[in-house]
Each structure stands twice: as C-alpha cells, then as structure tokens.
C-alpha atoms as a PDB file:
ATOM      1  CA  MET A   1     123.283  82.073  96.162  1.00  0.00           C
ATOM      2  CA  THR A   2     121.472  83.357  99.180  1.00  0.00           C
ATOM      3  CA  VAL A   3     119.279  86.317  99.229  1.00  0.00           C
ATOM      4  CA  ASN A   4     118.968  88.315 102.542  1.00  0.00           C
ATOM      5  CA  ASP A   5     116.639  91.296 103.433  1.00  0.00           C
ATOM      6  CA  SER A   6     117.760  94.528 105.244  1.00  0.00           C
ATOM      7  CA  ASN A   7     117.830  92.703 108.547  1.00  0.00           C
ATOM      8  CA  GLY A   8     120.038  89.635 107.288  1.00  0.00           C
ATOM      9  CA  ASN A   9     117.101  87.220 107.135  1.00  0.00           C
ATOM     10  CA  GLU A  10     117.212  84.799 104.175  1.00  0.00           C
ATOM     11  CA  LEU A  11     114.676  85.067 101.571  1.00  0.00           C
ATOM     12  CA  ALA A  12     113.145  82.289  99.545  1.00  0.00           C
ATOM     13  CA  ALA A  13     110.708  82.215  96.646  1.00  0.00           C
ATOM     14  CA  GLY A  14     107.270  82.604  97.701  1.00  0.00           C
ATOM     15  CA  ASP A  15     107.891  84.746 100.919  1.00  0.00           C
ATOM     16  CA  SER A  16     106.170  87.842 101.799  1.00  0.00           C
ATOM     17  CA  VAL A  17     108.199  91.001 102.414  1.00  0.00           C
ATOM     18  CA  GLN A  18     107.283  94.447 103.723  1.00  0.00           C
ATOM     19  CA  LEU A  19     108.872  97.924 102.479  1.00  0.00           C
ATOM     20  CA  ILE A  20     110.738  99.784 105.153  1.00  0.00           C
ATOM     21  CA  LYS A  21     110.912 103.027 103.141  1.00  0.00           C
ATOM     22  CA  ASP A  22     108.618 104.983 100.790  1.00  0.00           C
ATOM     23  CA  LEU A  23     109.627 104.228  97.160  1.00  0.00           C
ATOM     24  CA  LYS A  24     108.827 106.115  93.972  1.00  0.00           C
ATOM     25  CA  VAL A  25     108.186 103.698  91.085  1.00  0.00           C
ATOM     26  CA  LYS A  26     110.032 104.810  87.963  1.00  0.00           C
ATOM     27  CA  GLY A  27     107.859 105.233  84.816  1.00  0.00           C
ATOM     28  CA  THR A  28     104.618 105.632  86.888  1.00  0.00           C
ATOM     29  CA  SER A  29     103.223 108.334  89.268  1.00  0.00           C
ATOM     30  CA  VAL A  30     102.805 105.640  91.997  1.00  0.00           C
ATOM     31  CA  THR A  31     104.543 105.931  95.287  1.00  0.00           C
ATOM     32  CA  LEU A  32     104.761 102.740  97.260  1.00  0.00           C
ATOM     33  CA  LYS A  33     104.355 103.610 101.026  1.00  0.00           C
ATOM     34  CA  ARG A  34     106.396 102.249 103.946  1.00  0.00           C
ATOM     35  CA  GLY A  35     104.703  98.996 105.307  1.00  0.00           C
ATOM     36  CA  THR A  36     103.213  97.889 101.864  1.00  0.00           C
ATOM     37  CA  VAL A  37     103.321  94.097 101.900  1.00  0.00           C
ATOM     38  CA  ALA A  38     104.497  92.217  98.619  1.00  0.00           C
ATOM     39  CA  LYS A  39     103.425  88.549  98.600  1.00  0.00           C
ATOM     40  CA  ASN A  40     104.668  85.677  96.827  1.00  0.00           C
ATOM     41  CA  ILE A  41     108.059  87.122  95.748  1.00  0.00           C
ATOM     42  CA  ARG A  42     110.317  85.650  93.063  1.00  0.00           C
ATOM     43  CA  LEU A  43     114.099  85.468  93.229  1.00  0.00           C
ATOM     44  CA  THR A  44     116.351  86.803  90.257  1.00  0.00           C
ATOM     45  CA  ASP A  45     119.797  86.062  89.147  1.00  0.00           C
ATOM     46  CA  ASP A  46     120.966  89.102  90.988  1.00  0.00           C
ATOM     47  CA  ASP A  47     121.124  88.415  94.811  1.00  0.00           C
ATOM     48  CA  GLU A  48     120.335  92.083  95.687  1.00  0.00           C
ATOM     49  CA  GLU A  49     116.956  92.181  93.683  1.00  0.00           C
ATOM     50  CA  ILE A  50     113.695  90.365  93.805  1.00  0.00           C
ATOM     51  CA  GLU A  51     110.620  90.353  91.573  1.00  0.00           C
ATOM     52  CA  CYS A  52     107.058  90.922  93.002  1.00  0.00           C
ATOM     53  CA  ASN A  53     103.561  92.111  92.444  1.00  0.00           C
ATOM     54  CA  VAL A  54     102.128  94.850  94.550  1.00  0.00           C
ATOM     55  CA  ASP A  55      98.425  96.049  94.473  1.00  0.00           C
ATOM     56  CA  LYS A  56      99.138  98.975  92.198  1.00  0.00           C
ATOM     57  CA  VAL A  57     102.137  97.681  90.153  1.00  0.00           C
ATOM     58  CA  LYS A  58     102.700  94.404  88.448  1.00  0.00           C
ATOM     59  CA  GLY A  59     106.117  92.724  87.586  1.00  0.00           C
ATOM     60  CA  LEU A  60     108.066  95.140  89.993  1.00  0.00           C
ATOM     61  CA  VAL A  61     111.738  94.616  90.667  1.00  0.00           C
ATOM     62  CA  LEU A  62     112.851  95.731  94.163  1.00  0.00           C
ATOM     63  CA  LYS A  63     116.215  95.997  95.984  1.00  0.00           C
ATOM     64  CA  THR A  64     116.414  93.823  99.043  1.00  0.00           C
ATOM     65  CA  CYS A  65     117.954  96.689 101.020  1.00  0.00           C
ATOM     66  CA  PHE A  66     114.432  98.284 101.209  1.00  0.00           C
ATOM     67  CA  LEU A  67     112.656  95.099 102.408  1.00  0.00           C
ATOM     68  CA  LYS A  68     112.067  92.975 105.504  1.00  0.00           C
ATOM     69  CA  LYS A  69     110.732  89.551 105.875  1.00  0.00           C
ATOM     70  CA  VAL A  70     107.189  89.283 107.197  1.00  0.00           C
END
C-alpha cells in the first residue's frame, strides 16, 4: 500500500506534511490554517488518511488530499 499526498509524492511514517487548505476540526472550535505543519505522521489502514498531532489538536486524522510533503 502506498500513501500519496495531493501532489503525488509518496508519504512514509515519520514524515512532515503541510496543509494546503484551511480545515475546521469537527468537535472543536479550532480551525487549522493553510501552511500548518504536522510533524511525525503515522500511516493508517486507509491509504487516503494519516494520523498526526498538531499544536492545538492531538490524535488528528487528516485526508491526504489536503496535504503536501515538506
């Protein structure tokens, strides 16, 4: 299984990714701004999702179509 970002670059566990769009986080009042960096990502069973920690939110699951590799 390969996991790719929005540009087609392959992602691996431990990579850093950057958001390419402002995203509202469900269940909180937090909005993650474009350009926010998520470090040390973890891959999931789904090839279109990753897990990560961001400054304000821990244990966040993001779709890879909103990410680019740093």
